[in-house]
């Protein structure tokens, strides 16, 4: 008898190359479920991680010039590195809906994997509840491309708002949201074997492995706006 397994959830983000060759992301709470005899969630989560930790190419949608082991190039940006620039070609072709492209690809890839090894299941599904308050950061370095999805929290001082606060808050949030459509790099980490250029590029002093460094770098880069917005603390949580 097949056991009913409760759906699992995970906060996640997916980065992809658009039809114009730029970068974009979709993020939220991923719900995934399979009903079968035995626990195969390790395989499920391995497939999910492949989509979440790599730059994704949607067949029939993403526009690019070069897609190789050490170079990813579009009309909008170019990244070259001595390390492997890992990318993922979607399991299914683009069907007209970005969210569905990811959920269907993961679901059908999991189904195919289970059928290949002869595992029986009665139902499998993947659903993404989009959450636009999250930010998916894409980082390029000589070590490759890394991706993480985070929630930012800002605190405002309780003193009387200044005349610029309302507009500055909107501007601050707009800049933070723009990270969803950019590749971040640290110029100090660039060596002779790494090159990055294009419109979708942001230079920052952040150390991508350190969440405190990320939040401090963003706050320092946006200090003038943050000061007008009366923001006194800015933190990050994965």
C-alpha atoms as a PDB file:
ATOM      1  CA  UNK A   1       0.000   0.000   0.000  1.00  0.00           C
ATOM      2  CA  UNK A   2       1.232   3.482  -0.832  1.00  0.00           C
ATOM      3  CA  UNK A   3       1.697   5.754   2.164  1.00  0.00           C
ATOM      4  CA  UNK A   4       0.361   9.298   2.078  1.00  0.00           C
ATOM      5  CA  UNK A   5       3.256  11.696   2.575  1.00  0.00           C
ATOM      6  CA  UNK A   6       2.515  15.262   3.643  1.00  0.00           C
ATOM      7  CA  UNK A   7       3.687  17.942   1.209  1.00  0.00           C
ATOM      8  CA  UNK A   8       7.015  19.577   1.981  1.00  0.00           C
ATOM      9  CA  UNK A   9       7.731  23.282   1.603  1.00  0.00           C
ATOM     10  CA  UNK A  10      10.852  25.297   0.938  1.00  0.00           C
ATOM     11  CA  UNK A  11      11.588  28.999   0.500  1.00  0.00           C
ATOM     12  CA  UNK A  12      13.325  29.206  -2.840  1.00  0.00           C
ATOM     13  CA  UNK A  13      14.227  31.333  -5.840  1.00  0.00           C
ATOM     14  CA  UNK A  14      15.007  30.563  -9.476  1.00  0.00           C
ATOM     15  CA  UNK A  15      17.175  32.735 -11.736  1.00  0.00           C
ATOM     16  CA  UNK A  16      16.824  32.561 -15.496  1.00  0.00           C
ATOM     17  CA  UNK A  17      17.888  34.204 -18.749  1.00  0.00           C
ATOM     18  CA  UNK A  18      15.017  36.127 -20.344  1.00  0.00           C
ATOM     19  CA  UNK A  19      13.942  36.430 -23.970  1.00  0.00           C
ATOM     20  CA  UNK A  20      15.905  39.697 -24.195  1.00  0.00           C
ATOM     21  CA  UNK A  21      19.089  38.130 -22.800  1.00  0.00           C
ATOM     22  CA  UNK A  22      18.814  39.785 -19.387  1.00  0.00           C
ATOM     23  CA  UNK A  23      18.506  38.223 -15.920  1.00  0.00           C
ATOM     24  CA  UNK A  24      15.285  37.755 -13.987  1.00  0.00           C
ATOM     25  CA  UNK A  25      14.116  35.707 -11.022  1.00  0.00           C
ATOM     26  CA  UNK A  26      10.963  34.183  -9.572  1.00  0.00           C
ATOM     27  CA  UNK A  27      10.760  33.228  -5.906  1.00  0.00           C
ATOM     28  CA  UNK A  28       8.424  32.129  -3.154  1.00  0.00           C
ATOM     29  CA  UNK A  29       7.392  29.029  -1.223  1.00  0.00           C
ATOM     30  CA  UNK A  30       7.810  25.803  -3.155  1.00  0.00           C
ATOM     31  CA  UNK A  31       5.435  22.987  -2.227  1.00  0.00           C
ATOM     32  CA  UNK A  32       6.379  19.521  -3.455  1.00  0.00           C
ATOM     33  CA  UNK A  33       4.768  16.123  -2.935  1.00  0.00           C
ATOM     34  CA  UNK A  34       4.968  12.542  -4.144  1.00  0.00           C
ATOM     35  CA  UNK A  35       2.845   9.607  -3.050  1.00  0.00           C
ATOM     36  CA  UNK A  36       4.809   6.398  -3.226  1.00  0.00           C
ATOM     37  CA  UNK A  37       6.042   3.485  -1.175  1.00  0.00           C
ATOM     38  CA  UNK A  38       9.337   4.640   0.286  1.00  0.00           C
ATOM     39  CA  UNK A  39      11.072   7.965   0.863  1.00  0.00           C
ATOM     40  CA  UNK A  40      12.541   9.380  -2.325  1.00  0.00           C
ATOM     41  CA  UNK A  41      12.583  13.015  -1.249  1.00  0.00           C
ATOM     42  CA  UNK A  42      16.361  13.065  -1.461  1.00  0.00           C
ATOM     43  CA  UNK A  43      16.020  12.606  -5.241  1.00  0.00           C
ATOM     44  CA  UNK A  44      13.222  15.197  -5.338  1.00  0.00           C
ATOM     45  CA  UNK A  45      15.287  17.769  -3.482  1.00  0.00           C
ATOM     46  CA  UNK A  46      18.357  17.097  -5.616  1.00  0.00           C
ATOM     47  CA  UNK A  47      16.332  17.991  -8.715  1.00  0.00           C
ATOM     48  CA  UNK A  48      14.915  21.095  -7.024  1.00  0.00           C
ATOM     49  CA  UNK A  49      18.403  22.209  -5.949  1.00  0.00           C
ATOM     50  CA  UNK A  50      19.660  21.895  -9.532  1.00  0.00           C
ATOM     51  CA  UNK A  51      17.123  24.528 -10.588  1.00  0.00           C
ATOM     52  CA  UNK A  52      17.637  26.735  -7.515  1.00  0.00           C
ATOM     53  CA  UNK A  53      21.443  26.799  -7.517  1.00  0.00           C
ATOM     54  CA  UNK A  54      22.091  27.358 -11.224  1.00  0.00           C
ATOM     55  CA  UNK A  55      21.330  29.962 -13.847  1.00  0.00           C
ATOM     56  CA  UNK A  56      18.449  28.451 -15.833  1.00  0.00           C
ATOM     57  CA  UNK A  57      17.942  28.398 -19.585  1.00  0.00           C
ATOM     58  CA  UNK A  58      14.326  28.008 -20.747  1.00  0.00           C
ATOM     59  CA  UNK A  59      14.135  26.189 -24.067  1.00  0.00           C
ATOM     60  CA  UNK A  60      12.135  28.272 -26.543  1.00  0.00           C
ATOM     61  CA  UNK A  61      12.444  31.424 -24.428  1.00  0.00           C
ATOM     62  CA  UNK A  62      15.924  32.304 -23.143  1.00  0.00           C
ATOM     63  CA  UNK A  63      18.070  34.273 -25.589  1.00  0.00           C
ATOM     64  CA  UNK A  64      21.849  33.806 -25.445  1.00  0.00           C
ATOM     65  CA  UNK A  65      24.957  33.928 -27.646  1.00  0.00           C
ATOM     66  CA  UNK A  66      27.364  31.612 -25.811  1.00  0.00           C
ATOM     67  CA  UNK A  67      26.588  28.919 -23.272  1.00  0.00           C
ATOM     68  CA  UNK A  68      29.708  26.919 -22.447  1.00  0.00           C
ATOM     69  CA  UNK A  69      31.611  25.546 -19.492  1.00  0.00           C
ATOM     70  CA  UNK A  70      33.521  28.785 -18.912  1.00  0.00           C
ATOM     71  CA  UNK A  71      31.400  31.484 -20.607  1.00  0.00           C
ATOM     72  CA  UNK A  72      27.793  32.639 -20.503  1.00  0.00           C
ATOM     73  CA  UNK A  73      27.114  35.470 -22.923  1.00  0.00           C
ATOM     74  CA  UNK A  74      23.947  37.246 -24.069  1.00  0.00           C
ATOM     75  CA  UNK A  75      23.265  40.591 -25.747  1.00  0.00           C
ATOM     76  CA  UNK A  76      22.882  42.018 -22.224  1.00  0.00           C
ATOM     77  CA  UNK A  77      25.807  40.532 -20.264  1.00  0.00           C
ATOM     78  CA  UNK A  78      28.945  38.389 -20.467  1.00  0.00           C
ATOM     79  CA  UNK A  79      30.558  36.317 -17.727  1.00  0.00           C
ATOM     80  CA  UNK A  80      33.807  34.393 -18.298  1.00  0.00           C
ATOM     81  CA  UNK A  81      35.644  32.445 -15.630  1.00  0.00           C
ATOM     82  CA  UNK A  82      38.367  29.860 -15.263  1.00  0.00           C
ATOM     83  CA  UNK A  83      35.966  27.816 -13.125  1.00  0.00           C
ATOM     84  CA  UNK A  84      32.883  26.025 -14.437  1.00  0.00           C
ATOM     85  CA  UNK A  85      29.987  28.461 -14.938  1.00  0.00           C
ATOM     86  CA  UNK A  86      27.274  25.979 -14.099  1.00  0.00           C
ATOM     87  CA  UNK A  87      23.941  26.418 -15.808  1.00  0.00           C
ATOM     88  CA  UNK A  88      20.829  24.324 -16.162  1.00  0.00           C
ATOM     89  CA  UNK A  89      18.796  23.753 -19.323  1.00  0.00           C
ATOM     90  CA  UNK A  90      15.147  23.317 -18.319  1.00  0.00           C
ATOM     91  CA  UNK A  91      13.682  19.822 -18.581  1.00  0.00           C
ATOM     92  CA  UNK A  92      10.640  21.079 -20.506  1.00  0.00           C
ATOM     93  CA  UNK A  93      10.197  23.754 -23.148  1.00  0.00           C
ATOM     94  CA  UNK A  94       8.737  27.133 -22.214  1.00  0.00           C
ATOM     95  CA  UNK A  95       4.926  26.970 -22.172  1.00  0.00           C
ATOM     96  CA  UNK A  96       4.101  30.656 -21.695  1.00  0.00           C
ATOM     97  CA  UNK A  97       4.202  30.962 -17.900  1.00  0.00           C
ATOM     98  CA  UNK A  98       7.490  31.405 -16.009  1.00  0.00           C
ATOM     99  CA  UNK A  99       6.238  29.928 -12.726  1.00  0.00           C
ATOM    100  CA  UNK A 100       4.715  26.944 -14.520  1.00  0.00           C
ATOM    101  CA  UNK A 101       7.908  26.420 -16.510  1.00  0.00           C
ATOM    102  CA  UNK A 102       9.781  25.709 -13.277  1.00  0.00           C
ATOM    103  CA  UNK A 103       7.090  23.719 -11.470  1.00  0.00           C
ATOM    104  CA  UNK A 104       6.297  21.560 -14.517  1.00  0.00           C
ATOM    105  CA  UNK A 105       9.961  20.960 -15.306  1.00  0.00           C
ATOM    106  CA  UNK A 106      10.735  19.823 -11.748  1.00  0.00           C
ATOM    107  CA  UNK A 107       7.590  17.701 -11.522  1.00  0.00           C
ATOM    108  CA  UNK A 108       8.087  15.938 -14.852  1.00  0.00           C
ATOM    109  CA  UNK A 109      11.799  15.429 -14.260  1.00  0.00           C
ATOM    110  CA  UNK A 110      10.982  13.774 -10.931  1.00  0.00           C
ATOM    111  CA  UNK A 111       8.314  11.609 -12.595  1.00  0.00           C
ATOM    112  CA  UNK A 112      10.759  10.550 -15.306  1.00  0.00           C
ATOM    113  CA  UNK A 113      13.449   9.728 -12.742  1.00  0.00           C
ATOM    114  CA  UNK A 114      11.068   7.532 -10.750  1.00  0.00           C
ATOM    115  CA  UNK A 115       9.773   5.759 -13.861  1.00  0.00           C
ATOM    116  CA  UNK A 116      13.326   5.100 -15.041  1.00  0.00           C
ATOM    117  CA  UNK A 117      14.168   3.136 -11.894  1.00  0.00           C
ATOM    118  CA  UNK A 118      10.755   1.468 -11.731  1.00  0.00           C
ATOM    119  CA  UNK A 119       9.403   3.250  -8.649  1.00  0.00           C
ATOM    120  CA  UNK A 120       5.609   3.260  -8.508  1.00  0.00           C
ATOM    121  CA  UNK A 121       3.721   6.380  -7.449  1.00  0.00           C
ATOM    122  CA  UNK A 122       0.128   7.547  -7.716  1.00  0.00           C
ATOM    123  CA  UNK A 123       0.579  11.308  -7.612  1.00  0.00           C
ATOM    124  CA  UNK A 124       3.304  13.933  -7.797  1.00  0.00           C
ATOM    125  CA  UNK A 125       2.990  17.700  -7.887  1.00  0.00           C
ATOM    126  CA  UNK A 126       5.021  20.870  -7.490  1.00  0.00           C
ATOM    127  CA  UNK A 127       3.562  24.300  -6.775  1.00  0.00           C
ATOM    128  CA  UNK A 128       5.203  27.696  -6.266  1.00  0.00           C
ATOM    129  CA  UNK A 129       3.437  30.337  -4.205  1.00  0.00           C
ATOM    130  CA  UNK A 130       5.136  33.475  -5.484  1.00  0.00           C
ATOM    131  CA  UNK A 131       6.355  35.888  -2.804  1.00  0.00           C
ATOM    132  CA  UNK A 132       7.588  39.197  -4.199  1.00  0.00           C
ATOM    133  CA  UNK A 133       8.918  40.321  -0.805  1.00  0.00           C
ATOM    134  CA  UNK A 134      11.825  37.906  -1.278  1.00  0.00           C
ATOM    135  CA  UNK A 135      15.001  38.784  -3.178  1.00  0.00           C
ATOM    136  CA  UNK A 136      17.019  36.315  -5.227  1.00  0.00           C
ATOM    137  CA  UNK A 137      20.684  37.293  -5.419  1.00  0.00           C
ATOM    138  CA  UNK A 138      22.868  36.102  -8.300  1.00  0.00           C
ATOM    139  CA  UNK A 139      26.615  36.293  -7.719  1.00  0.00           C
ATOM    140  CA  UNK A 140      29.372  35.757 -10.289  1.00  0.00           C
ATOM    141  CA  UNK A 141      32.999  35.248  -9.290  1.00  0.00           C
ATOM    142  CA  UNK A 142      36.092  33.362 -10.439  1.00  0.00           C
ATOM    143  CA  UNK A 143      34.602  30.387  -8.557  1.00  0.00           C
ATOM    144  CA  UNK A 144      31.451  30.372 -10.708  1.00  0.00           C
ATOM    145  CA  UNK A 145      27.845  31.516 -10.334  1.00  0.00           C
ATOM    146  CA  UNK A 146      26.052  31.219  -7.010  1.00  0.00           C
ATOM    147  CA  UNK A 147      22.436  31.984  -6.140  1.00  0.00           C
ATOM    148  CA  UNK A 148      20.612  32.530  -2.845  1.00  0.00           C
ATOM    149  CA  UNK A 149      17.106  33.691  -1.966  1.00  0.00           C
ATOM    150  CA  UNK A 150      16.743  35.935   1.052  1.00  0.00           C
ATOM    151  CA  UNK A 151      14.343  38.144   2.970  1.00  0.00           C
ATOM    152  CA  UNK A 152      15.496  41.629   3.884  1.00  0.00           C
ATOM    153  CA  UNK A 153      14.263  43.392   7.019  1.00  0.00           C
ATOM    154  CA  UNK A 154      14.683  47.103   7.594  1.00  0.00           C
ATOM    155  CA  UNK A 155      14.001  49.026  10.797  1.00  0.00           C
ATOM    156  CA  UNK A 156      13.160  52.700  10.976  1.00  0.00           C
ATOM    157  CA  UNK A 157      13.949  55.100  13.786  1.00  0.00           C
ATOM    158  CA  UNK A 158      11.018  56.261  15.884  1.00  0.00           C
ATOM    159  CA  UNK A 159      11.913  59.931  15.671  1.00  0.00           C
ATOM    160  CA  UNK A 160       9.743  62.337  13.672  1.00  0.00           C
ATOM    161  CA  UNK A 161       9.901  61.519   9.941  1.00  0.00           C
ATOM    162  CA  UNK A 162      11.728  64.019   7.754  1.00  0.00           C
ATOM    163  CA  UNK A 163      10.262  65.472   4.571  1.00  0.00           C
ATOM    164  CA  UNK A 164      12.179  63.019   2.397  1.00  0.00           C
ATOM    165  CA  UNK A 165      11.271  59.801   4.247  1.00  0.00           C
ATOM    166  CA  UNK A 166       8.255  58.613   2.257  1.00  0.00           C
ATOM    167  CA  UNK A 167       9.934  59.004  -1.137  1.00  0.00           C
ATOM    168  CA  UNK A 168      13.242  57.641   0.134  1.00  0.00           C
ATOM    169  CA  UNK A 169      11.586  54.459   1.441  1.00  0.00           C
ATOM    170  CA  UNK A 170      10.096  53.820  -1.983  1.00  0.00           C
ATOM    171  CA  UNK A 171      13.446  54.478  -3.639  1.00  0.00           C
ATOM    172  CA  UNK A 172      15.326  52.233  -1.187  1.00  0.00           C
ATOM    173  CA  UNK A 173      12.904  49.337  -1.751  1.00  0.00           C
ATOM    174  CA  UNK A 174      13.100  49.855  -5.514  1.00  0.00           C
ATOM    175  CA  UNK A 175      16.889  49.561  -5.525  1.00  0.00           C
ATOM    176  CA  UNK A 176      16.820  46.431  -3.357  1.00  0.00           C
ATOM    177  CA  UNK A 177      14.196  44.876  -5.658  1.00  0.00           C
ATOM    178  CA  UNK A 178      16.425  45.605  -8.650  1.00  0.00           C
ATOM    179  CA  UNK A 179      18.888  42.985  -7.359  1.00  0.00           C
ATOM    180  CA  UNK A 180      16.432  40.404  -8.703  1.00  0.00           C
ATOM    181  CA  UNK A 181      17.406  41.430 -12.233  1.00  0.00           C
ATOM    182  CA  UNK A 182      21.171  41.764 -11.845  1.00  0.00           C
ATOM    183  CA  UNK A 183      24.363  39.775 -11.444  1.00  0.00           C
ATOM    184  CA  UNK A 184      26.428  40.945  -8.480  1.00  0.00           C
ATOM    185  CA  UNK A 185      30.213  40.816  -8.415  1.00  0.00           C
ATOM    186  CA  UNK A 186      32.992  42.068  -6.170  1.00  0.00           C
ATOM    187  CA  UNK A 187      35.650  43.931  -8.144  1.00  0.00           C
ATOM    188  CA  UNK A 188      38.278  43.056  -5.521  1.00  0.00           C
ATOM    189  CA  UNK A 189      37.839  39.368  -6.383  1.00  0.00           C
ATOM    190  CA  UNK A 190      38.478  39.784 -10.096  1.00  0.00           C
ATOM    191  CA  UNK A 191      41.661  38.255 -11.466  1.00  0.00           C
ATOM    192  CA  UNK A 192      43.095  37.570 -14.876  1.00  0.00           C
ATOM    193  CA  UNK A 193      40.857  34.517 -15.329  1.00  0.00           C
ATOM    194  CA  UNK A 194      37.571  36.324 -14.675  1.00  0.00           C
ATOM    195  CA  UNK A 195      35.677  38.827 -16.824  1.00  0.00           C
ATOM    196  CA  UNK A 196      32.213  40.324 -16.400  1.00  0.00           C
ATOM    197  CA  UNK A 197      30.479  43.112 -18.297  1.00  0.00           C
ATOM    198  CA  UNK A 198      27.041  44.254 -19.380  1.00  0.00           C
ATOM    199  CA  UNK A 199      23.876  46.105 -18.417  1.00  0.00           C
ATOM    200  CA  UNK A 200      22.687  43.587 -15.813  1.00  0.00           C
ATOM    201  CA  UNK A 201      25.778  43.937 -13.622  1.00  0.00           C
ATOM    202  CA  UNK A 202      26.194  45.431 -10.126  1.00  0.00           C
ATOM    203  CA  UNK A 203      29.582  45.942  -8.445  1.00  0.00           C
ATOM    204  CA  UNK A 204      29.431  45.525  -4.673  1.00  0.00           C
ATOM    205  CA  UNK A 205      31.918  44.935  -1.856  1.00  0.00           C
ATOM    206  CA  UNK A 206      29.753  42.187  -0.366  1.00  0.00           C
ATOM    207  CA  UNK A 207      31.153  38.763   0.461  1.00  0.00           C
ATOM    208  CA  UNK A 208      28.462  36.485  -0.891  1.00  0.00           C
ATOM    209  CA  UNK A 209      28.996  33.706   1.658  1.00  0.00           C
ATOM    210  CA  UNK A 210      28.446  36.099   4.565  1.00  0.00           C
ATOM    211  CA  UNK A 211      24.883  37.366   5.090  1.00  0.00           C
ATOM    212  CA  UNK A 212      26.090  40.110   7.426  1.00  0.00           C
ATOM    213  CA  UNK A 213      28.476  41.337   4.732  1.00  0.00           C
ATOM    214  CA  UNK A 214      25.660  41.349   2.174  1.00  0.00           C
ATOM    215  CA  UNK A 215      23.329  43.439   4.334  1.00  0.00           C
ATOM    216  CA  UNK A 216      26.104  45.816   5.439  1.00  0.00           C
ATOM    217  CA  UNK A 217      27.323  46.321   1.861  1.00  0.00           C
ATOM    218  CA  UNK A 218      23.837  47.129   0.600  1.00  0.00           C
ATOM    219  CA  UNK A 219      23.194  49.493   3.501  1.00  0.00           C
ATOM    220  CA  UNK A 220      26.532  51.273   3.002  1.00  0.00           C
ATOM    221  CA  UNK A 221      26.010  51.557  -0.762  1.00  0.00           C
ATOM    222  CA  UNK A 222      22.563  53.044  -0.174  1.00  0.00           C
ATOM    223  CA  UNK A 223      23.439  55.029   2.946  1.00  0.00           C
ATOM    224  CA  UNK A 224      22.263  58.415   1.641  1.00  0.00           C
ATOM    225  CA  UNK A 225      18.875  56.986   0.669  1.00  0.00           C
ATOM    226  CA  UNK A 226      18.678  54.891   3.868  1.00  0.00           C
ATOM    227  CA  UNK A 227      19.393  57.986   5.965  1.00  0.00           C
ATOM    228  CA  UNK A 228      16.608  59.927   4.234  1.00  0.00           C
ATOM    229  CA  UNK A 229      14.330  56.905   4.696  1.00  0.00           C
ATOM    230  CA  UNK A 230      15.119  56.933   8.429  1.00  0.00           C
ATOM    231  CA  UNK A 231      16.360  53.335   8.183  1.00  0.00           C
ATOM    232  CA  UNK A 232      18.691  52.493  11.072  1.00  0.00           C
ATOM    233  CA  UNK A 233      19.046  48.702  10.680  1.00  0.00           C
ATOM    234  CA  UNK A 234      19.039  46.447   7.622  1.00  0.00           C
ATOM    235  CA  UNK A 235      19.383  42.680   7.959  1.00  0.00           C
ATOM    236  CA  UNK A 236      19.157  39.558   5.819  1.00  0.00           C
ATOM    237  CA  UNK A 237      17.668  36.116   6.438  1.00  0.00           C
ATOM    238  CA  UNK A 238      17.787  33.043   4.210  1.00  0.00           C
END
